[in-house]
Each structure stands twice: as structure tokens, then as C-alpha cells.
Amino acid sequence: TVEFGAAAHVAGGQSVSGDALDQFCDTSGRAQMLLCDGMGTGRAAAVDGQMAAKLTAQLLRAGFAAESAARLVNVALGLKGAEQEAGATLDLLTVDLYTGRAGLFKAGAAPSFLCRAGVVRTLDGASLPMGVLPTVTGRSTALTLDVGDTVMMVSDGALCDGSAWLCDQLTLSTRLGQSPQQTAEAVAASAVRRSGARQDDITVAIVRLERQKS
């Protein structure tokens, strides 16, 4: 089974966030965690981010694989972009809870982080957001996760001070035995402090694998 955690901060002066997050377990025994970031900030970015996240989640629940879902969302954003500029990143982790096999799909998304036995590894890959080109230029990474492993996703607003501190913060939170929710809140609060005047929407999403209680 899994335990989720999430925390978010809206950029200063804005009433809505361009980031959109969803975390759920589907009926096929898979944990899904997805984060979309609409291009820019404010209402226009929020519309694109929410649209991309909602449509992706619907497709995943219907049984579509990450790449297929991304292609369809790319088409939807492309049609919207024919009238006005539209685009959104996609960060999607799918975990088979029976086998631990996982796939991380990124389309223009910020790096993610895997913490295993107190050691943090960065998961990254060059790609472009959805809605920018006629075809998706995403990147897929295959993983095998085990009990105790933690994966953290962040929107690019959390990277204003680089990514090294995120690795350190995740390592520290793990050593302190913090829950995914406590870790997400600590990372988001630190990101806000580090961003200073360089305000952007900040979202932190975490999932940790747990052994199912009998």
C-alpha cells in the first residue's frame, strides 16, 4: 500500500495556482501520482494545469498507460492552443502495488527524487511540456520500488535555489521519521523561504510504499 503527502503555495499576488496535483490508487492495484504545471502563473496557467491533470487522471482511471494518456492530453492542449497559447508539464508516477514495478513519465517536468535506505537519487530527463508540439516529447523511466521507498515530485517553483537542498531535506526528513505529509509541508515551507522575491507556484507531492497490514 502507499501513503501520500502533499503541500502547496500559491505565488504572491495570485488567487489561483498553475499547479494541479492528483494522488490516488486505481481499481487495478496501481498507485498514481501526477503533477501538472500550467505555463506561467495566474488564471490562464491554472486553467491549463487543471485541465491537463483532470484529463490525465480520467484516462489513467480508464486504464490508459502514461504515454497514451499524455498523447491525448497533448492533442487537447494543442486544440486549445490553436485559439490561445496553452501548455502544461506532466509528472506522472505509476506504481504496481503487487510487484513494485513503477514507471515515471515526464513531459517538461522538474526533477523528482527517490529516497531509498536514506540515500536520495535524482530522477530527471530532458523533455518538453504538453501542448507545445504536435507530438509529445516525454521521457519514461522504469523503476522497481520496495517497502520504505519514497518518491518526491516538485513543481519548478521549488527549484529556485537548485535541487541539492531538496535532496538534503528529503534525507533529513527520512532520518527524522517524518510522515509523507510532514515531509511535504517541510519541503514546501523551505522552498517558500528560499524563493524570496522570486515567487512562483510551489507544489510538493510525496508517496511512500508501506507494507499492507494483514
C-alpha atoms as a PDB file:
ATOM      1  CA  THR A   1       0.000   0.000   0.000  1.00  0.00           C
ATOM      2  CA  VAL A   2       1.057   3.650  -0.114  1.00  0.00           C
ATOM      3  CA  GLU A   3       0.927   6.784   1.991  1.00  0.00           C
ATOM      4  CA  PHE A   4       0.603  10.119   0.201  1.00  0.00           C
ATOM      5  CA  GLY A   5       1.573  13.605   1.290  1.00  0.00           C
ATOM      6  CA  ALA A   6       1.179  16.987  -0.406  1.00  0.00           C
ATOM      7  CA  ALA A   7       1.682  20.692   0.242  1.00  0.00           C
ATOM      8  CA  ALA A   8       1.342  23.759  -1.978  1.00  0.00           C
ATOM      9  CA  HIS A   9       1.941  27.504  -2.029  1.00  0.00           C
ATOM     10  CA  VAL A  10       0.405  29.969  -4.488  1.00  0.00           C
ATOM     11  CA  ALA A  11       2.700  32.623  -5.973  1.00  0.00           C
ATOM     12  CA  GLY A  12       2.404  36.038  -4.352  1.00  0.00           C
ATOM     13  CA  GLY A  13      -0.368  38.231  -5.680  1.00  0.00           C
ATOM     14  CA  GLN A  14      -2.190  35.348  -7.382  1.00  0.00           C
ATOM     15  CA  SER A  15      -5.517  33.880  -6.282  1.00  0.00           C
ATOM     16  CA  VAL A  16      -5.067  30.515  -8.009  1.00  0.00           C
ATOM     17  CA  SER A  17      -2.174  28.151  -8.664  1.00  0.00           C
ATOM     18  CA  GLY A  18      -0.950  26.993 -12.050  1.00  0.00           C
ATOM     19  CA  ASP A  19      -0.014  23.673 -10.429  1.00  0.00           C
ATOM     20  CA  ALA A  20      -2.513  20.823 -10.269  1.00  0.00           C
ATOM     21  CA  LEU A  21      -1.965  17.584  -8.322  1.00  0.00           C
ATOM     22  CA  ASP A  22      -3.773  14.263  -8.036  1.00  0.00           C
ATOM     23  CA  GLN A  23      -2.872  11.189  -5.966  1.00  0.00           C
ATOM     24  CA  PHE A  24      -4.945   8.018  -5.924  1.00  0.00           C
ATOM     25  CA  CYS A  25      -4.982   4.223  -6.133  1.00  0.00           C
ATOM     26  CA  ASP A  26      -6.951   2.864  -9.082  1.00  0.00           C
ATOM     27  CA  THR A  27      -9.035  -0.286  -9.352  1.00  0.00           C
ATOM     28  CA  SER A  28      -6.154  -2.191 -10.997  1.00  0.00           C
ATOM     29  CA  GLY A  29      -3.961  -2.107  -7.898  1.00  0.00           C
ATOM     30  CA  ARG A  30      -1.809   0.798  -9.060  1.00  0.00           C
ATOM     31  CA  ALA A  31      -0.855   3.921  -7.160  1.00  0.00           C
ATOM     32  CA  GLN A  32      -0.904   7.050  -9.319  1.00  0.00           C
ATOM     33  CA  MET A  33       0.678  10.398  -8.507  1.00  0.00           C
ATOM     34  CA  LEU A  34       0.592  13.158 -11.100  1.00  0.00           C
ATOM     35  CA  LEU A  35       1.569  16.804 -11.075  1.00  0.00           C
ATOM     36  CA  CYS A  36       0.839  19.260 -13.878  1.00  0.00           C
ATOM     37  CA  ASP A  37       2.161  22.804 -14.082  1.00  0.00           C
ATOM     38  CA  GLY A  38       0.392  25.204 -16.429  1.00  0.00           C
ATOM     39  CA  MET A  39       2.727  27.547 -18.257  1.00  0.00           C
ATOM     40  CA  GLY A  40       3.110  30.871 -16.421  1.00  0.00           C
ATOM     41  CA  THR A  41       1.129  31.887 -13.338  1.00  0.00           C
ATOM     42  CA  GLY A  42      -2.362  33.091 -12.575  1.00  0.00           C
ATOM     43  CA  ARG A  43      -5.720  32.096 -14.011  1.00  0.00           C
ATOM     44  CA  ALA A  44      -4.562  31.112 -17.521  1.00  0.00           C
ATOM     45  CA  ALA A  45      -1.902  28.786 -16.107  1.00  0.00           C
ATOM     46  CA  ALA A  46      -4.422  27.369 -13.627  1.00  0.00           C
ATOM     47  CA  VAL A  47      -6.857  26.526 -16.415  1.00  0.00           C
ATOM     48  CA  ASP A  48      -4.196  24.629 -18.384  1.00  0.00           C
ATOM     49  CA  GLY A  49      -2.782  22.869 -15.324  1.00  0.00           C
ATOM     50  CA  GLN A  50      -6.190  21.790 -14.050  1.00  0.00           C
ATOM     51  CA  MET A  51      -7.331  20.688 -17.495  1.00  0.00           C
ATOM     52  CA  ALA A  52      -4.205  18.589 -18.049  1.00  0.00           C
ATOM     53  CA  ALA A  53      -4.346  16.988 -14.594  1.00  0.00           C
ATOM     54  CA  LYS A  54      -8.058  16.221 -14.688  1.00  0.00           C
ATOM     55  CA  LEU A  55      -7.949  14.704 -18.166  1.00  0.00           C
ATOM     56  CA  THR A  56      -4.822  12.671 -17.365  1.00  0.00           C
ATOM     57  CA  ALA A  57      -6.412  11.275 -14.187  1.00  0.00           C
ATOM     58  CA  GLN A  58      -9.584  10.330 -16.061  1.00  0.00           C
ATOM     59  CA  LEU A  59      -7.579   8.497 -18.708  1.00  0.00           C
ATOM     60  CA  LEU A  60      -5.496   6.660 -16.101  1.00  0.00           C
ATOM     61  CA  ARG A  61      -8.629   5.545 -14.258  1.00  0.00           C
ATOM     62  CA  ALA A  62      -9.974   4.286 -17.592  1.00  0.00           C
ATOM     63  CA  GLY A  63      -6.885   2.086 -17.993  1.00  0.00           C
ATOM     64  CA  PHE A  64      -4.695   4.140 -20.334  1.00  0.00           C
ATOM     65  CA  ALA A  65      -0.923   3.925 -19.954  1.00  0.00           C
ATOM     66  CA  ALA A  66       1.073   7.072 -19.207  1.00  0.00           C
ATOM     67  CA  GLU A  67       2.339   7.632 -22.756  1.00  0.00           C
ATOM     68  CA  SER A  68      -1.108   7.132 -24.302  1.00  0.00           C
ATOM     69  CA  ALA A  69      -2.722   9.482 -21.797  1.00  0.00           C
ATOM     70  CA  ALA A  70      -0.050  12.115 -22.466  1.00  0.00           C
ATOM     71  CA  ARG A  71      -0.628  11.907 -26.223  1.00  0.00           C
ATOM     72  CA  LEU A  72      -4.350  12.517 -25.814  1.00  0.00           C
ATOM     73  CA  VAL A  73      -3.831  15.395 -23.385  1.00  0.00           C
ATOM     74  CA  ASN A  74      -1.283  16.865 -25.810  1.00  0.00           C
ATOM     75  CA  VAL A  75      -3.930  16.849 -28.536  1.00  0.00           C
ATOM     76  CA  ALA A  76      -6.449  18.538 -26.219  1.00  0.00           C
ATOM     77  CA  LEU A  77      -3.967  21.265 -25.260  1.00  0.00           C
ATOM     78  CA  GLY A  78      -2.961  21.661 -28.902  1.00  0.00           C
ATOM     79  CA  LEU A  79      -6.569  22.278 -29.915  1.00  0.00           C
ATOM     80  CA  LYS A  80      -6.947  24.811 -27.129  1.00  0.00           C
ATOM     81  CA  GLY A  81      -3.667  26.402 -28.175  1.00  0.00           C
ATOM     82  CA  ALA A  82      -4.989  26.961 -31.692  1.00  0.00           C
ATOM     83  CA  GLU A  83      -7.002  29.832 -30.224  1.00  0.00           C
ATOM     84  CA  GLN A  84      -4.624  30.896 -27.451  1.00  0.00           C
ATOM     85  CA  GLU A  85      -1.244  29.745 -26.172  1.00  0.00           C
ATOM     86  CA  ALA A  86      -1.610  26.648 -23.976  1.00  0.00           C
ATOM     87  CA  GLY A  87       0.766  24.200 -22.398  1.00  0.00           C
ATOM     88  CA  ALA A  88       1.384  22.196 -19.244  1.00  0.00           C
ATOM     89  CA  THR A  89       4.053  19.926 -17.860  1.00  0.00           C
ATOM     90  CA  LEU A  90       3.253  16.376 -16.771  1.00  0.00           C
ATOM     91  CA  ASP A  91       5.000  14.478 -13.999  1.00  0.00           C
ATOM     92  CA  LEU A  92       3.441  11.041 -13.542  1.00  0.00           C
ATOM     93  CA  LEU A  93       4.427   8.116 -11.332  1.00  0.00           C
ATOM     94  CA  THR A  94       2.587   4.807 -11.697  1.00  0.00           C
ATOM     95  CA  VAL A  95       3.345   2.007  -9.207  1.00  0.00           C
ATOM     96  CA  ASP A  96       2.084  -1.575  -9.436  1.00  0.00           C
ATOM     97  CA  LEU A  97       1.366  -2.366  -5.781  1.00  0.00           C
ATOM     98  CA  TYR A  98       1.585  -6.127  -6.389  1.00  0.00           C
ATOM     99  CA  THR A  99       5.063  -6.161  -7.912  1.00  0.00           C
ATOM    100  CA  GLY A 100       6.637  -2.803  -7.025  1.00  0.00           C
ATOM    101  CA  ARG A 101       7.315  -2.109 -10.686  1.00  0.00           C
ATOM    102  CA  ALA A 102       6.929   1.561 -11.453  1.00  0.00           C
ATOM    103  CA  GLY A 103       7.130   3.970 -14.333  1.00  0.00           C
ATOM    104  CA  LEU A 104       7.956   7.666 -14.151  1.00  0.00           C
ATOM    105  CA  PHE A 105       6.836   9.724 -17.143  1.00  0.00           C
ATOM    106  CA  LYS A 106       7.964  13.328 -17.547  1.00  0.00           C
ATOM    107  CA  ALA A 107       6.944  15.914 -20.116  1.00  0.00           C
ATOM    108  CA  GLY A 108       8.735  19.150 -19.315  1.00  0.00           C
ATOM    109  CA  ALA A 109       8.550  18.440 -15.579  1.00  0.00           C
ATOM    110  CA  ALA A 110      11.060  19.305 -12.856  1.00  0.00           C
ATOM    111  CA  PRO A 111      13.345  16.602 -11.427  1.00  0.00           C
ATOM    112  CA  SER A 112      11.902  14.081  -8.983  1.00  0.00           C
ATOM    113  CA  PHE A 113      13.665  12.392  -6.095  1.00  0.00           C
ATOM    114  CA  LEU A 114      13.818   8.780  -4.896  1.00  0.00           C
ATOM    115  CA  CYS A 115      14.887   8.096  -1.313  1.00  0.00           C
ATOM    116  CA  ARG A 116      15.891   4.504  -0.558  1.00  0.00           C
ATOM    117  CA  ALA A 117      17.531   3.459   2.710  1.00  0.00           C
ATOM    118  CA  GLY A 118      18.381   7.087   3.451  1.00  0.00           C
ATOM    119  CA  VAL A 119      20.102   7.695   0.107  1.00  0.00           C
ATOM    120  CA  VAL A 120      18.491  10.131  -2.338  1.00  0.00           C
ATOM    121  CA  ARG A 121      18.707   9.754  -6.112  1.00  0.00           C
ATOM    122  CA  THR A 122      17.594  12.390  -8.616  1.00  0.00           C
ATOM    123  CA  LEU A 123      15.241  11.297 -11.396  1.00  0.00           C
ATOM    124  CA  ASP A 124      15.361  13.624 -14.368  1.00  0.00           C
ATOM    125  CA  GLY A 125      15.109  13.665 -18.142  1.00  0.00           C
ATOM    126  CA  ALA A 126      15.092  16.313 -20.862  1.00  0.00           C
ATOM    127  CA  SER A 127      11.630  16.755 -22.389  1.00  0.00           C
ATOM    128  CA  LEU A 128       9.098  19.405 -23.405  1.00  0.00           C
ATOM    129  CA  PRO A 129       5.689  20.284 -21.915  1.00  0.00           C
ATOM    130  CA  MET A 130       2.483  19.001 -23.463  1.00  0.00           C
ATOM    131  CA  GLY A 131       0.732  21.273 -25.931  1.00  0.00           C
ATOM    132  CA  VAL A 132       3.940  22.790 -27.294  1.00  0.00           C
ATOM    133  CA  LEU A 133       4.499  20.448 -30.246  1.00  0.00           C
ATOM    134  CA  PRO A 134       2.127  18.252 -32.300  1.00  0.00           C
ATOM    135  CA  THR A 135       3.654  15.162 -30.640  1.00  0.00           C
ATOM    136  CA  VAL A 136       4.682  14.597 -27.015  1.00  0.00           C
ATOM    137  CA  THR A 137       8.421  14.524 -26.349  1.00  0.00           C
ATOM    138  CA  GLY A 138       8.208  12.917 -22.935  1.00  0.00           C
ATOM    139  CA  ARG A 139      10.678  10.663 -21.173  1.00  0.00           C
ATOM    140  CA  SER A 140       9.895   7.385 -19.386  1.00  0.00           C
ATOM    141  CA  THR A 141      11.993   5.804 -16.633  1.00  0.00           C
ATOM    142  CA  ALA A 142      11.398   2.274 -15.322  1.00  0.00           C
ATOM    143  CA  LEU A 143      11.866   1.689 -11.594  1.00  0.00           C
ATOM    144  CA  THR A 144      11.377  -1.084  -9.091  1.00  0.00           C
ATOM    145  CA  LEU A 145      10.236   0.199  -5.706  1.00  0.00           C
ATOM    146  CA  ASP A 146      10.184  -1.600  -2.364  1.00  0.00           C
ATOM    147  CA  VAL A 147       8.672  -1.080   1.062  1.00  0.00           C
ATOM    148  CA  GLY A 148      10.054   2.093   2.628  1.00  0.00           C
ATOM    149  CA  ASP A 149      10.976   3.764  -0.667  1.00  0.00           C
ATOM    150  CA  THR A 150       9.850   7.379  -1.018  1.00  0.00           C
ATOM    151  CA  VAL A 151       9.364   9.363  -4.238  1.00  0.00           C
ATOM    152  CA  MET A 152       9.021  13.148  -4.157  1.00  0.00           C
ATOM    153  CA  MET A 153       7.747  15.317  -7.007  1.00  0.00           C
ATOM    154  CA  VAL A 154       8.012  19.102  -7.070  1.00  0.00           C
ATOM    155  CA  SER A 155       6.899  21.847  -9.424  1.00  0.00           C
ATOM    156  CA  ASP A 156       9.639  24.102 -10.773  1.00  0.00           C
ATOM    157  CA  GLY A 157       8.838  26.777  -8.193  1.00  0.00           C
ATOM    158  CA  ALA A 158      10.629  24.625  -5.609  1.00  0.00           C
ATOM    159  CA  LEU A 159      13.844  24.714  -7.658  1.00  0.00           C
ATOM    160  CA  CYS A 160      14.566  28.430  -7.322  1.00  0.00           C
ATOM    161  CA  ASP A 161      17.590  27.571  -5.172  1.00  0.00           C
ATOM    162  CA  GLY A 162      18.666  24.462  -7.103  1.00  0.00           C
ATOM    163  CA  SER A 163      17.989  20.817  -6.305  1.00  0.00           C
ATOM    164  CA  ALA A 164      20.796  19.877  -3.892  1.00  0.00           C
ATOM    165  CA  TRP A 165      18.925  21.243  -0.885  1.00  0.00           C
ATOM    166  CA  LEU A 166      15.870  19.176  -1.834  1.00  0.00           C
ATOM    167  CA  CYS A 167      17.972  16.016  -1.627  1.00  0.00           C
ATOM    168  CA  ASP A 168      19.285  17.133   1.778  1.00  0.00           C
ATOM    169  CA  GLN A 169      15.806  17.978   3.063  1.00  0.00           C
ATOM    170  CA  LEU A 170      14.374  14.632   1.951  1.00  0.00           C
ATOM    171  CA  THR A 171      17.296  12.795   3.577  1.00  0.00           C
ATOM    172  CA  LEU A 172      16.807  14.709   6.826  1.00  0.00           C
ATOM    173  CA  SER A 173      13.044  14.129   6.892  1.00  0.00           C
ATOM    174  CA  THR A 174      13.592  10.411   6.355  1.00  0.00           C
ATOM    175  CA  ARG A 175      16.111  10.212   9.207  1.00  0.00           C
ATOM    176  CA  LEU A 176      13.697  12.074  11.479  1.00  0.00           C
ATOM    177  CA  GLY A 177      10.976   9.544  10.662  1.00  0.00           C
ATOM    178  CA  GLN A 178       8.593  12.169   9.323  1.00  0.00           C
ATOM    179  CA  SER A 179       5.438  11.085   7.514  1.00  0.00           C
ATOM    180  CA  PRO A 180       4.998  11.922   3.809  1.00  0.00           C
ATOM    181  CA  GLN A 181       2.629  14.742   4.794  1.00  0.00           C
ATOM    182  CA  GLN A 182       5.090  16.203   7.304  1.00  0.00           C
ATOM    183  CA  THR A 183       7.889  15.948   4.752  1.00  0.00           C
ATOM    184  CA  ALA A 184       5.837  17.658   2.028  1.00  0.00           C
ATOM    185  CA  GLU A 185       4.942  20.520   4.366  1.00  0.00           C
ATOM    186  CA  ALA A 186       8.568  20.949   5.486  1.00  0.00           C
ATOM    187  CA  VAL A 187       9.879  20.989   1.907  1.00  0.00           C
ATOM    188  CA  ALA A 188       7.216  23.450   0.723  1.00  0.00           C
ATOM    189  CA  ALA A 189       7.876  25.796   3.655  1.00  0.00           C
ATOM    190  CA  SER A 190      11.622  25.719   2.973  1.00  0.00           C
ATOM    191  CA  ALA A 191      11.035  26.374  -0.739  1.00  0.00           C
ATOM    192  CA  VAL A 192       8.923  29.434   0.066  1.00  0.00           C
ATOM    193  CA  ARG A 193      11.646  30.825   2.347  1.00  0.00           C
ATOM    194  CA  ARG A 194      14.354  30.191  -0.236  1.00  0.00           C
ATOM    195  CA  SER A 195      12.380  31.727  -3.114  1.00  0.00           C
ATOM    196  CA  GLY A 196      12.296  35.188  -1.553  1.00  0.00           C
ATOM    197  CA  ALA A 197      11.139  37.690  -4.142  1.00  0.00           C
ATOM    198  CA  ARG A 198      11.355  35.106  -6.953  1.00  0.00           C
ATOM    199  CA  GLN A 199       7.817  33.934  -6.314  1.00  0.00           C
ATOM    200  CA  ASP A 200       6.327  31.046  -8.294  1.00  0.00           C
ATOM    201  CA  ASP A 201       3.692  28.434  -7.554  1.00  0.00           C
ATOM    202  CA  ILE A 202       5.189  25.682  -5.397  1.00  0.00           C
ATOM    203  CA  THR A 203       3.797  22.165  -5.057  1.00  0.00           C
ATOM    204  CA  VAL A 204       5.391  19.193  -3.302  1.00  0.00           C
ATOM    205  CA  ALA A 205       3.952  15.683  -3.669  1.00  0.00           C
ATOM    206  CA  ILE A 206       5.222  12.576  -1.909  1.00  0.00           C
ATOM    207  CA  VAL A 207       4.389   8.879  -1.943  1.00  0.00           C
ATOM    208  CA  ARG A 208       5.917   6.216   0.261  1.00  0.00           C
ATOM    209  CA  LEU A 209       5.433   2.470  -0.091  1.00  0.00           C
ATOM    210  CA  GLU A 210       4.188   0.693   3.016  1.00  0.00           C
ATOM    211  CA  ARG A 211       3.631  -2.963   3.784  1.00  0.00           C
ATOM    212  CA  GLN A 212      -0.064  -3.713   3.863  1.00  0.00           C
ATOM    213  CA  LYS A 213      -1.280  -4.709   7.300  1.00  0.00           C
ATOM    214  CA  SER A 214      -2.884  -8.152   7.417  1.00  0.00           C
END
